[in-house]
C-alpha atoms as a PDB file:
ATOM      1  CA  MET A   1       0.000   0.000   0.000  1.00  0.00           C
ATOM      2  CA  LEU A   2       2.810   2.430   0.890  1.00  0.00           C
ATOM      3  CA  HIS A   3       5.172   3.476  -1.898  1.00  0.00           C
ATOM      4  CA  VAL A   4       8.093   5.773  -1.030  1.00  0.00           C
ATOM      5  CA  GLU A   5      10.530   7.083  -3.632  1.00  0.00           C
ATOM      6  CA  THR A   6      13.022   8.564  -1.142  1.00  0.00           C
ATOM      7  CA  TRP A   7      12.439   9.042   2.566  1.00  0.00           C
ATOM      8  CA  PRO A   8      12.769  12.742   3.465  1.00  0.00           C
ATOM      9  CA  GLN A   9      15.117  13.771   6.255  1.00  0.00           C
ATOM     10  CA  LEU A  10      12.883  15.598   8.715  1.00  0.00           C
ATOM     11  CA  ARG A  11      13.090  16.808  12.292  1.00  0.00           C
ATOM     12  CA  GLU A  12      10.053  16.013  14.440  1.00  0.00           C
ATOM     13  CA  PRO A  13       7.551  16.790  11.668  1.00  0.00           C
ATOM     14  CA  VAL A  14       3.849  17.359  12.115  1.00  0.00           C
ATOM     15  CA  LEU A  15       1.625  15.113   9.990  1.00  0.00           C
ATOM     16  CA  LEU A  16      -1.454  16.723   8.402  1.00  0.00           C
ATOM     17  CA  VAL A  17      -4.211  14.420   7.131  1.00  0.00           C
ATOM     18  CA  ALA A  18      -7.304  15.187   5.052  1.00  0.00           C
ATOM     19  CA  LEU A  19      -9.243  12.479   3.211  1.00  0.00           C
ATOM     20  CA  SER A  20     -12.102  13.650   1.030  1.00  0.00           C
ATOM     21  CA  GLY A  21     -15.243  11.700   0.299  1.00  0.00           C
ATOM     22  CA  TRP A  22     -17.236  11.316   3.507  1.00  0.00           C
ATOM     23  CA  VAL A  23     -17.842  14.710   5.083  1.00  0.00           C
ATOM     24  CA  ASP A  24     -15.691  17.754   4.404  1.00  0.00           C
ATOM     25  CA  ALA A  25     -18.080  20.687   4.341  1.00  0.00           C
ATOM     26  CA  GLY A  26     -16.768  23.583   2.311  1.00  0.00           C
ATOM     27  CA  PHE A  27     -13.941  21.268   1.224  1.00  0.00           C
ATOM     28  CA  ALA A  28     -12.231  22.766   4.258  1.00  0.00           C
ATOM     29  CA  GLY A  29      -9.873  19.914   5.124  1.00  0.00           C
ATOM     30  CA  ALA A  30      -8.848  18.997   1.581  1.00  0.00           C
ATOM     31  CA  MET A  31      -8.318  22.603   0.519  1.00  0.00           C
ATOM     32  CA  THR A  32      -6.384  23.481   3.678  1.00  0.00           C
ATOM     33  CA  CYS A  33      -4.033  20.559   3.132  1.00  0.00           C
ATOM     34  CA  GLY A  34      -3.752  21.530  -0.527  1.00  0.00           C
ATOM     35  CA  TRP A  35      -2.937  25.113   0.440  1.00  0.00           C
ATOM     36  CA  VAL A  36      -0.281  24.030   2.925  1.00  0.00           C
ATOM     37  CA  ALA A  37       1.292  21.564   0.477  1.00  0.00           C
ATOM     38  CA  GLY A  38       1.390  24.249  -2.201  1.00  0.00           C
ATOM     39  CA  HIS A  39       3.086  26.812   0.055  1.00  0.00           C
ATOM     40  CA  LEU A  40       5.694  24.714   1.865  1.00  0.00           C
ATOM     41  CA  GLU A  41       9.339  25.568   1.398  1.00  0.00           C
ATOM     42  CA  ALA A  42      11.256  22.903  -0.544  1.00  0.00           C
ATOM     43  CA  ALA A  43       8.061  20.906  -0.966  1.00  0.00           C
ATOM     44  CA  ARG A  44       8.247  17.576  -2.750  1.00  0.00           C
ATOM     45  CA  ARG A  45       6.027  14.557  -3.165  1.00  0.00           C
ATOM     46  CA  PHE A  46       8.033  11.683  -1.763  1.00  0.00           C
ATOM     47  CA  GLY A  47       5.522   8.861  -1.946  1.00  0.00           C
ATOM     48  CA  TYR A  48       1.913   7.767  -2.011  1.00  0.00           C
ATOM     49  CA  LEU A  49      -0.544   5.207  -0.679  1.00  0.00           C
ATOM     50  CA  GLU A  50      -2.015   2.999  -3.372  1.00  0.00           C
ATOM     51  CA  ILE A  51      -5.791   2.701  -2.889  1.00  0.00           C
ATOM     52  CA  ALA A  52      -7.191   1.803  -6.333  1.00  0.00           C
ATOM     53  CA  ASP A  53      -8.254  -1.645  -5.064  1.00  0.00           C
ATOM     54  CA  ARG A  54      -9.653  -0.177  -1.829  1.00  0.00           C
ATOM     55  CA  ILE A  55     -11.996   2.429  -3.268  1.00  0.00           C
ATOM     56  CA  ASP A  56     -15.344   2.511  -5.108  1.00  0.00           C
ATOM     57  CA  LEU A  57     -14.169   3.587  -8.558  1.00  0.00           C
ATOM     58  CA  GLN A  58     -17.744   4.405  -9.606  1.00  0.00           C
ATOM     59  CA  GLN A  59     -17.749   7.131  -6.966  1.00  0.00           C
ATOM     60  CA  THR A  60     -14.113   8.253  -7.315  1.00  0.00           C
ATOM     61  CA  ARG A  61     -13.191   7.774 -10.947  1.00  0.00           C
ATOM     62  CA  PRO A  62      -9.684   7.366 -12.368  1.00  0.00           C
ATOM     63  CA  THR A  63      -8.410  10.225 -14.531  1.00  0.00           C
ATOM     64  CA  LEU A  64      -7.663   9.836 -18.236  1.00  0.00           C
ATOM     65  CA  VAL A  65      -4.734  11.659 -19.840  1.00  0.00           C
ATOM     66  CA  LEU A  66      -5.500  11.986 -23.575  1.00  0.00           C
ATOM     67  CA  THR A  67      -3.097  13.854 -25.869  1.00  0.00           C
ATOM     68  CA  ASP A  68      -3.443  14.216 -29.650  1.00  0.00           C
ATOM     69  CA  GLY A  69      -6.122  11.539 -29.630  1.00  0.00           C
ATOM     70  CA  VAL A  70      -3.846   9.023 -27.950  1.00  0.00           C
ATOM     71  CA  VAL A  71      -4.490   7.597 -24.498  1.00  0.00           C
ATOM     72  CA  ARG A  72      -1.311   8.395 -22.592  1.00  0.00           C
ATOM     73  CA  GLU A  73      -2.155   7.388 -19.048  1.00  0.00           C
ATOM     74  CA  ILE A  74      -4.807   6.314 -16.569  1.00  0.00           C
ATOM     75  CA  ARG A  75      -4.182   7.991 -13.228  1.00  0.00           C
ATOM     76  CA  TRP A  76      -5.623   5.875 -10.442  1.00  0.00           C
ATOM     77  CA  PRO A  77      -6.862   7.407  -7.183  1.00  0.00           C
ATOM     78  CA  ARG A  78      -4.186   7.530  -4.494  1.00  0.00           C
ATOM     79  CA  ILE A  79      -3.248   9.329  -1.300  1.00  0.00           C
ATOM     80  CA  ASP A  80      -0.251  11.594  -1.886  1.00  0.00           C
ATOM     81  CA  LEU A  81       2.532  12.285   0.599  1.00  0.00           C
ATOM     82  CA  VAL A  82       4.267  15.674   0.441  1.00  0.00           C
ATOM     83  CA  ALA A  83       7.024  16.951   2.742  1.00  0.00           C
ATOM     84  CA  GLY A  84       8.427  20.444   3.206  1.00  0.00           C
ATOM     85  CA  ARG A  85       8.820  23.220   5.712  1.00  0.00           C
ATOM     86  CA  GLY A  86       6.243  25.711   6.944  1.00  0.00           C
ATOM     87  CA  GLY A  87       7.555  27.136  10.215  1.00  0.00           C
ATOM     88  CA  ARG A  88       8.572  23.565  11.025  1.00  0.00           C
ATOM     89  CA  ASP A  89       8.907  20.312   9.108  1.00  0.00           C
ATOM     90  CA  VAL A  90       5.536  19.214   7.742  1.00  0.00           C
ATOM     91  CA  VAL A  91       4.196  16.088   6.045  1.00  0.00           C
ATOM     92  CA  VAL A  92       0.878  16.401   4.192  1.00  0.00           C
ATOM     93  CA  MET A  93      -1.184  13.275   3.532  1.00  0.00           C
ATOM     94  CA  THR A  94      -4.185  13.924   1.326  1.00  0.00           C
ATOM     95  CA  GLY A  95      -6.424  12.156  -1.170  1.00  0.00           C
ATOM     96  CA  PRO A  96      -9.759  10.334  -1.436  1.00  0.00           C
ATOM     97  CA  GLU A  97     -11.060   8.259   1.446  1.00  0.00           C
ATOM     98  CA  PRO A  98     -10.765   4.497   0.752  1.00  0.00           C
ATOM     99  CA  SER A  99     -14.008   2.535   0.767  1.00  0.00           C
ATOM    100  CA  ILE A 100     -12.621  -0.506   2.629  1.00  0.00           C
ATOM    101  CA  ARG A 101      -9.719  -1.792   4.755  1.00  0.00           C
ATOM    102  CA  TRP A 102      -9.511   1.219   7.047  1.00  0.00           C
ATOM    103  CA  LYS A 103      -7.625  -0.764   9.675  1.00  0.00           C
ATOM    104  CA  GLU A 104      -4.889  -1.422   7.130  1.00  0.00           C
ATOM    105  CA  LEU A 105      -4.853   2.274   6.208  1.00  0.00           C
ATOM    106  CA  SER A 106      -4.594   3.254   9.871  1.00  0.00           C
ATOM    107  CA  ALA A 107      -1.795   0.782  10.559  1.00  0.00           C
ATOM    108  CA  THR A 108       0.101   1.967   7.480  1.00  0.00           C
ATOM    109  CA  THR A 109      -0.236   5.584   8.610  1.00  0.00           C
ATOM    110  CA  VAL A 110       1.127   4.680  12.045  1.00  0.00           C
ATOM    111  CA  GLU A 111       4.054   2.918  10.354  1.00  0.00           C
ATOM    112  CA  LEU A 112       4.660   5.987   8.181  1.00  0.00           C
ATOM    113  CA  ALA A 113       4.500   8.350  11.159  1.00  0.00           C
ATOM    114  CA  ARG A 114       6.974   6.279  13.155  1.00  0.00           C
ATOM    115  CA  ARG A 115       9.391   6.051  10.230  1.00  0.00           C
ATOM    116  CA  LEU A 116       9.299   9.851   9.777  1.00  0.00           C
ATOM    117  CA  GLY A 117       9.591  10.638  13.486  1.00  0.00           C
ATOM    118  CA  VAL A 118       6.200  12.366  13.659  1.00  0.00           C
ATOM    119  CA  ARG A 119       5.562  13.862  17.107  1.00  0.00           C
ATOM    120  CA  LEU A 120       2.112  15.316  16.386  1.00  0.00           C
ATOM    121  CA  ALA A 121      -0.622  14.598  13.835  1.00  0.00           C
ATOM    122  CA  VAL A 122      -3.540  16.830  12.872  1.00  0.00           C
ATOM    123  CA  THR A 123      -6.562  15.680  10.888  1.00  0.00           C
ATOM    124  CA  LEU A 124      -8.556  18.406   9.123  1.00  0.00           C
ATOM    125  CA  GLY A 125     -12.126  18.690   7.908  1.00  0.00           C
ATOM    126  CA  GLY A 126     -15.287  20.744   7.755  1.00  0.00           C
ATOM    127  CA  MET A 127     -18.554  20.127   9.611  1.00  0.00           C
ATOM    128  CA  PRO A 128     -21.897  21.403   8.224  1.00  0.00           C
ATOM    129  CA  LEU A 129     -23.501  23.158  11.169  1.00  0.00           C
ATOM    130  CA  ALA A 130     -26.297  25.612  11.919  1.00  0.00           C
ATOM    131  CA  VAL A 131     -24.023  28.673  11.970  1.00  0.00           C
ATOM    132  CA  SER A 132     -24.076  31.974  10.097  1.00  0.00           C
ATOM    133  CA  HIS A 133     -21.556  32.990   7.432  1.00  0.00           C
ATOM    134  CA  ARG A 134     -21.611  36.470   9.007  1.00  0.00           C
ATOM    135  CA  ARG A 135     -19.874  35.233  12.134  1.00  0.00           C
ATOM    136  CA  PRO A 136     -16.194  34.292  12.439  1.00  0.00           C
ATOM    137  CA  THR A 137     -15.642  30.672  11.434  1.00  0.00           C
ATOM    138  CA  GLY A 138     -15.246  28.521  14.529  1.00  0.00           C
ATOM    139  CA  VAL A 139     -13.090  25.423  14.686  1.00  0.00           C
ATOM    140  CA  LEU A 140     -14.061  22.404  16.786  1.00  0.00           C
ATOM    141  CA  ALA A 141     -11.304  20.183  18.127  1.00  0.00           C
ATOM    142  CA  THR A 142     -10.839  16.621  19.325  1.00  0.00           C
ATOM    143  CA  ALA A 143      -7.752  15.006  20.807  1.00  0.00           C
ATOM    144  CA  THR A 144      -6.440  11.556  21.653  1.00  0.00           C
ATOM    145  CA  ASP A 145      -5.190  12.360  25.154  1.00  0.00           C
ATOM    146  CA  GLU A 146      -6.370  14.546  28.016  1.00  0.00           C
ATOM    147  CA  GLY A 147      -3.232  16.679  28.148  1.00  0.00           C
ATOM    148  CA  THR A 148      -3.581  17.719  24.523  1.00  0.00           C
ATOM    149  CA  ALA A 149      -7.329  18.207  24.929  1.00  0.00           C
ATOM    150  CA  ALA A 150      -6.780  20.558  27.867  1.00  0.00           C
ATOM    151  CA  ARG A 151      -4.601  22.809  25.703  1.00  0.00           C
ATOM    152  CA  LEU A 152      -6.984  22.968  22.761  1.00  0.00           C
ATOM    153  CA  GLY A 153     -10.188  24.514  24.067  1.00  0.00           C
ATOM    154  CA  VAL A 154     -13.403  24.644  21.971  1.00  0.00           C
ATOM    155  CA  LEU A 155     -13.737  20.887  22.166  1.00  0.00           C
ATOM    156  CA  ARG A 156     -16.462  18.679  20.741  1.00  0.00           C
ATOM    157  CA  LEU A 157     -17.520  16.852  23.889  1.00  0.00           C
ATOM    158  CA  ASP A 158     -20.721  14.934  23.241  1.00  0.00           C
ATOM    159  CA  TYR A 159     -20.668  13.220  19.854  1.00  0.00           C
ATOM    160  CA  THR A 160     -21.531   9.563  19.252  1.00  0.00           C
ATOM    161  CA  GLY A 161     -22.257   8.578  15.681  1.00  0.00           C
ATOM    162  CA  PRO A 162     -20.781   7.828  12.241  1.00  0.00           C
ATOM    163  CA  THR A 163     -17.217   8.784  11.489  1.00  0.00           C
ATOM    164  CA  GLY A 164     -14.667   8.733   8.693  1.00  0.00           C
ATOM    165  CA  ALA A 165     -11.345   7.112   7.869  1.00  0.00           C
ATOM    166  CA  GLN A 166      -9.263  10.052   9.025  1.00  0.00           C
ATOM    167  CA  THR A 167     -10.817   9.855  12.490  1.00  0.00           C
ATOM    168  CA  ALA A 168      -9.953   6.155  12.533  1.00  0.00           C
ATOM    169  CA  ILE A 169      -6.390   7.197  11.676  1.00  0.00           C
ATOM    170  CA  GLN A 170      -6.454   9.749  14.484  1.00  0.00           C
ATOM    171  CA  ALA A 171      -7.498   7.080  16.984  1.00  0.00           C
ATOM    172  CA  ALA A 172      -4.839   4.638  15.733  1.00  0.00           C
ATOM    173  CA  LEU A 173      -2.098   7.247  16.047  1.00  0.00           C
ATOM    174  CA  GLY A 174      -3.192   8.063  19.573  1.00  0.00           C
ATOM    175  CA  ALA A 175      -3.202   4.387  20.519  1.00  0.00           C
ATOM    176  CA  ALA A 176       0.348   4.148  19.152  1.00  0.00           C
ATOM    177  CA  GLY A 177       1.513   6.961  21.427  1.00  0.00           C
ATOM    178  CA  ILE A 178       1.523   9.720  18.797  1.00  0.00           C
ATOM    179  CA  PRO A 179      -0.690  12.641  19.928  1.00  0.00           C
ATOM    180  CA  ALA A 180      -3.315  13.393  17.293  1.00  0.00           C
ATOM    181  CA  ILE A 181      -5.663  16.357  17.034  1.00  0.00           C
ATOM    182  CA  GLY A 182      -8.786  16.687  14.908  1.00  0.00           C
ATOM    183  CA  LEU A 183      -9.688  20.190  13.702  1.00  0.00           C
ATOM    184  CA  TRP A 184     -13.112  20.757  12.138  1.00  0.00           C
ATOM    185  CA  ALA A 185     -14.133  24.106  10.667  1.00  0.00           C
ATOM    186  CA  GLN A 186     -17.768  25.029  11.315  1.00  0.00           C
ATOM    187  CA  VAL A 187     -19.202  25.651   7.850  1.00  0.00           C
ATOM    188  CA  PRO A 188     -22.749  27.050   7.434  1.00  0.00           C
ATOM    189  CA  HIS A 189     -24.839  24.110   6.316  1.00  0.00           C
ATOM    190  CA  TYR A 190     -26.677  26.161   3.676  1.00  0.00           C
ATOM    191  CA  VAL A 191     -23.393  26.672   1.737  1.00  0.00           C
ATOM    192  CA  ALA A 192     -21.636  23.449   2.765  1.00  0.00           C
ATOM    193  CA  ALA A 193     -21.337  22.183  -0.808  1.00  0.00           C
ATOM    194  CA  SER A 194     -19.238  25.155  -1.973  1.00  0.00           C
ATOM    195  CA  PRO A 195     -15.508  25.758  -1.303  1.00  0.00           C
ATOM    196  CA  SER A 196     -15.157  27.954   1.790  1.00  0.00           C
ATOM    197  CA  PRO A 197     -12.115  30.281   1.965  1.00  0.00           C
ATOM    198  CA  PRO A 198     -13.123  31.447   5.487  1.00  0.00           C
ATOM    199  CA  ALA A 199     -12.948  27.814   6.660  1.00  0.00           C
ATOM    200  CA  ILE A 200      -9.473  27.433   5.180  1.00  0.00           C
ATOM    201  CA  LEU A 201      -8.328  30.620   6.917  1.00  0.00           C
ATOM    202  CA  ALA A 202      -9.778  29.416  10.222  1.00  0.00           C
ATOM    203  CA  LEU A 203      -8.033  26.038   9.972  1.00  0.00           C
ATOM    204  CA  LEU A 204      -4.716  27.649   8.990  1.00  0.00           C
ATOM    205  CA  SER A 205      -4.980  29.934  12.013  1.00  0.00           C
ATOM    206  CA  ARG A 206      -5.579  26.996  14.350  1.00  0.00           C
ATOM    207  CA  LEU A 207      -2.736  25.039  12.722  1.00  0.00           C
ATOM    208  CA  ARG A 208      -0.416  27.916  13.540  1.00  0.00           C
ATOM    209  CA  GLU A 209      -1.612  27.941  17.163  1.00  0.00           C
ATOM    210  CA  VAL A 210      -1.625  24.216  17.933  1.00  0.00           C
ATOM    211  CA  ALA A 211       1.097  22.879  15.620  1.00  0.00           C
ATOM    212  CA  GLY A 212       3.345  25.781  14.651  1.00  0.00           C
ATOM    213  CA  VAL A 213       2.562  25.366  10.947  1.00  0.00           C
ATOM    214  CA  VAL A 214       3.053  28.717   9.194  1.00  0.00           C
ATOM    215  CA  VAL A 215       2.470  29.304   5.464  1.00  0.00           C
ATOM    216  CA  ASP A 216       1.792  32.330   3.286  1.00  0.00           C
ATOM    217  CA  ILE A 217      -1.902  33.266   3.133  1.00  0.00           C
ATOM    218  CA  ALA A 218      -1.557  36.093   0.595  1.00  0.00           C
ATOM    219  CA  GLY A 219      -4.756  36.373  -1.410  1.00  0.00           C
ATOM    220  CA  LEU A 220      -6.795  34.074   0.817  1.00  0.00           C
ATOM    221  CA  GLU A 221      -8.299  36.872   2.930  1.00  0.00           C
ATOM    222  CA  GLU A 222      -9.484  38.614  -0.254  1.00  0.00           C
ATOM    223  CA  GLU A 223     -11.030  35.336  -1.421  1.00  0.00           C
ATOM    224  CA  ALA A 224     -12.833  35.020   1.919  1.00  0.00           C
ATOM    225  CA  ALA A 225     -14.243  38.550   1.626  1.00  0.00           C
ATOM    226  CA  GLU A 226     -15.424  37.880  -1.939  1.00  0.00           C
ATOM    227  CA  TYR A 227     -17.008  34.611  -0.774  1.00  0.00           C
ATOM    228  CA  ARG A 228     -19.052  36.400   1.914  1.00  0.00           C
ATOM    229  CA  ASP A 229     -20.063  39.148  -0.528  1.00  0.00           C
ATOM    230  CA  LYS A 230     -21.256  36.517  -3.008  1.00  0.00           C
ATOM    231  CA  ILE A 231     -23.400  34.847  -0.348  1.00  0.00           C
ATOM    232  CA  GLU A 232     -24.892  38.200   0.667  1.00  0.00           C
ATOM    233  CA  GLY A 233     -25.646  38.962  -2.967  1.00  0.00           C
ATOM    234  CA  GLY A 234     -27.461  35.656  -3.353  1.00  0.00           C
ATOM    235  CA  LEU A 235     -29.715  36.133  -0.318  1.00  0.00           C
ATOM    236  CA  ALA A 236     -31.981  38.521  -2.250  1.00  0.00           C
ATOM    237  CA  GLU A 237     -32.848  35.668  -4.601  1.00  0.00           C
ATOM    238  CA  ARG A 238     -33.378  33.151  -1.800  1.00  0.00           C
ATOM    239  CA  PRO A 239     -35.691  34.610   0.855  1.00  0.00           C
ATOM    240  CA  ASP A 240     -35.879  31.206   2.570  1.00  0.00           C
ATOM    241  CA  VAL A 241     -32.107  31.212   3.102  1.00  0.00           C
ATOM    242  CA  ALA A 242     -32.175  34.901   4.082  1.00  0.00           C
ATOM    243  CA  GLU A 243     -34.708  34.092   6.809  1.00  0.00           C
ATOM    244  CA  LEU A 244     -32.591  31.194   8.031  1.00  0.00           C
ATOM    245  CA  VAL A 245     -29.520  33.453   8.243  1.00  0.00           C
ATOM    246  CA  ARG A 246     -31.540  36.089  10.102  1.00  0.00           C
ATOM    247  CA  ARG A 247     -32.616  33.519  12.665  1.00  0.00           C
ATOM    248  CA  LEU A 248     -29.073  32.181  13.048  1.00  0.00           C
ATOM    249  CA  ASP A 249     -27.756  35.716  13.575  1.00  0.00           C
ATOM    250  CA  GLY A 250     -30.377  36.488  16.182  1.00  0.00           C
ATOM    251  CA  VAL A 251     -30.710  33.233  18.095  1.00  0.00           C
ATOM    252  CA  ILE A 252     -27.503  31.212  17.987  1.00  0.00           C
ATOM    253  CA  ALA A 253     -24.617  32.788  19.842  1.00  0.00           C
ATOM    254  CA  PRO A 254     -20.976  32.173  18.849  1.00  0.00           C
ATOM    255  CA  GLY A 255     -19.767  28.862  20.238  1.00  0.00           C
ATOM    256  CA  ASP A 256     -23.264  27.414  20.719  1.00  0.00           C
ATOM    257  CA  LEU A 257     -23.465  23.965  19.151  1.00  0.00           C
ATOM    258  CA  PRO A 258     -26.260  21.560  18.297  1.00  0.00           C
ATOM    259  CA  SER A 259     -26.550  18.310  20.182  1.00  0.00           C
ATOM    260  CA  GLY A 260     -24.806  15.172  18.976  1.00  0.00           C
ATOM    261  CA  ASP A 261     -28.077  13.803  17.541  1.00  0.00           C
ATOM    262  CA  GLU A 262     -28.776  17.055  15.699  1.00  0.00           C
ATOM    263  CA  LEU A 263     -25.258  17.031  14.285  1.00  0.00           C
ATOM    264  CA  VAL A 264     -25.702  13.482  12.999  1.00  0.00           C
ATOM    265  CA  ARG A 265     -28.949  14.446  11.280  1.00  0.00           C
ATOM    266  CA  GLU A 266     -27.311  17.474   9.610  1.00  0.00           C
ATOM    267  CA  ILE A 267     -24.383  15.359   8.401  1.00  0.00           C
ATOM    268  CA  GLU A 268     -26.748  12.731   6.999  1.00  0.00           C
ATOM    269  CA  ARG A 269     -28.700  15.432   5.131  1.00  0.00           C
ATOM    270  CA  PHE A 270     -25.443  16.838   3.789  1.00  0.00           C
ATOM    271  CA  LEU A 271     -24.302  13.427   2.557  1.00  0.00           C
ATOM    272  CA  ARG A 272     -27.633  12.803   0.820  1.00  0.00           C
ATOM    273  CA  ASN A 273     -27.521  16.318  -0.703  1.00  0.00           C
ATOM    274  CA  GLU A 274     -30.857  17.125   0.943  1.00  0.00           C
ATOM    275  CA  PRO A 275     -31.994  20.550   2.140  1.00  0.00           C
ATOM    276  CA  PRO A 276     -30.952  21.308   5.736  1.00  0.00           C
ATOM    277  CA  ALA A 277     -33.487  21.688   8.526  1.00  0.00           C
ATOM    278  CA  GLY A 278     -35.649  24.706   7.837  1.00  0.00           C
ATOM    279  CA  GLY A 279     -35.955  24.095   4.106  1.00  0.00           C
ATOM    280  CA  ALA A 280     -32.906  26.041   2.893  1.00  0.00           C
ATOM    281  CA  ARG A 281     -30.285  24.579   0.621  1.00  0.00           C
END
């Protein structure tokens, strides 16, 4: 499963993990990892995890490279591994979530982390929640040990329900003695299917605080402002969404969260591409 071209020489790197396919509202985790990988100093892809026989290829299709009418290549889905420096040594692990054999994936990730000398891992994602785009984007956190949890703040305390492969990886790393944090940007559920620059900014800010990962964010703040302006411009055409936003602004205070059961229901709606509670989309 693990293919490494040349092992990078790193000093106590942090491992960042984002696997798309289950729930990543606003594409927050995948795009944050992509941003970090694209802005690391001396970044290079040093290996990958082969998952073509562990994934539903009808859901995550291979990519065809066709040039001058000639089929040049079929690029199979895989999880890429990129190393570089962003305030500290960083390894980015990102790609589609496998459909099966998550225990093997978790064990392989633990093996990879040990080989690289990883001292901290951070999984990244986005949660569709009943929050307003007009408020600062919050970031929920989970941890694999009480000491790390005590330092994080803004913890998700009461969730029991479905989960994804990257959370299974987080648990496996923690069991192996490698502290692992989960960071989840709170993305308004009525725009959860669109890329969210504010969520990326929020995750990058938390990465700086909890892991010392620092990369250039030039241009991202402007993208976030344009994103909010676009949503505001669209509210005039969607009075149902405008009413939902008004209620969220007036009723739900920053930091207030739905219950675990409510969160599960919102995630299930998101996965089925159904309108969120209240009728908005």
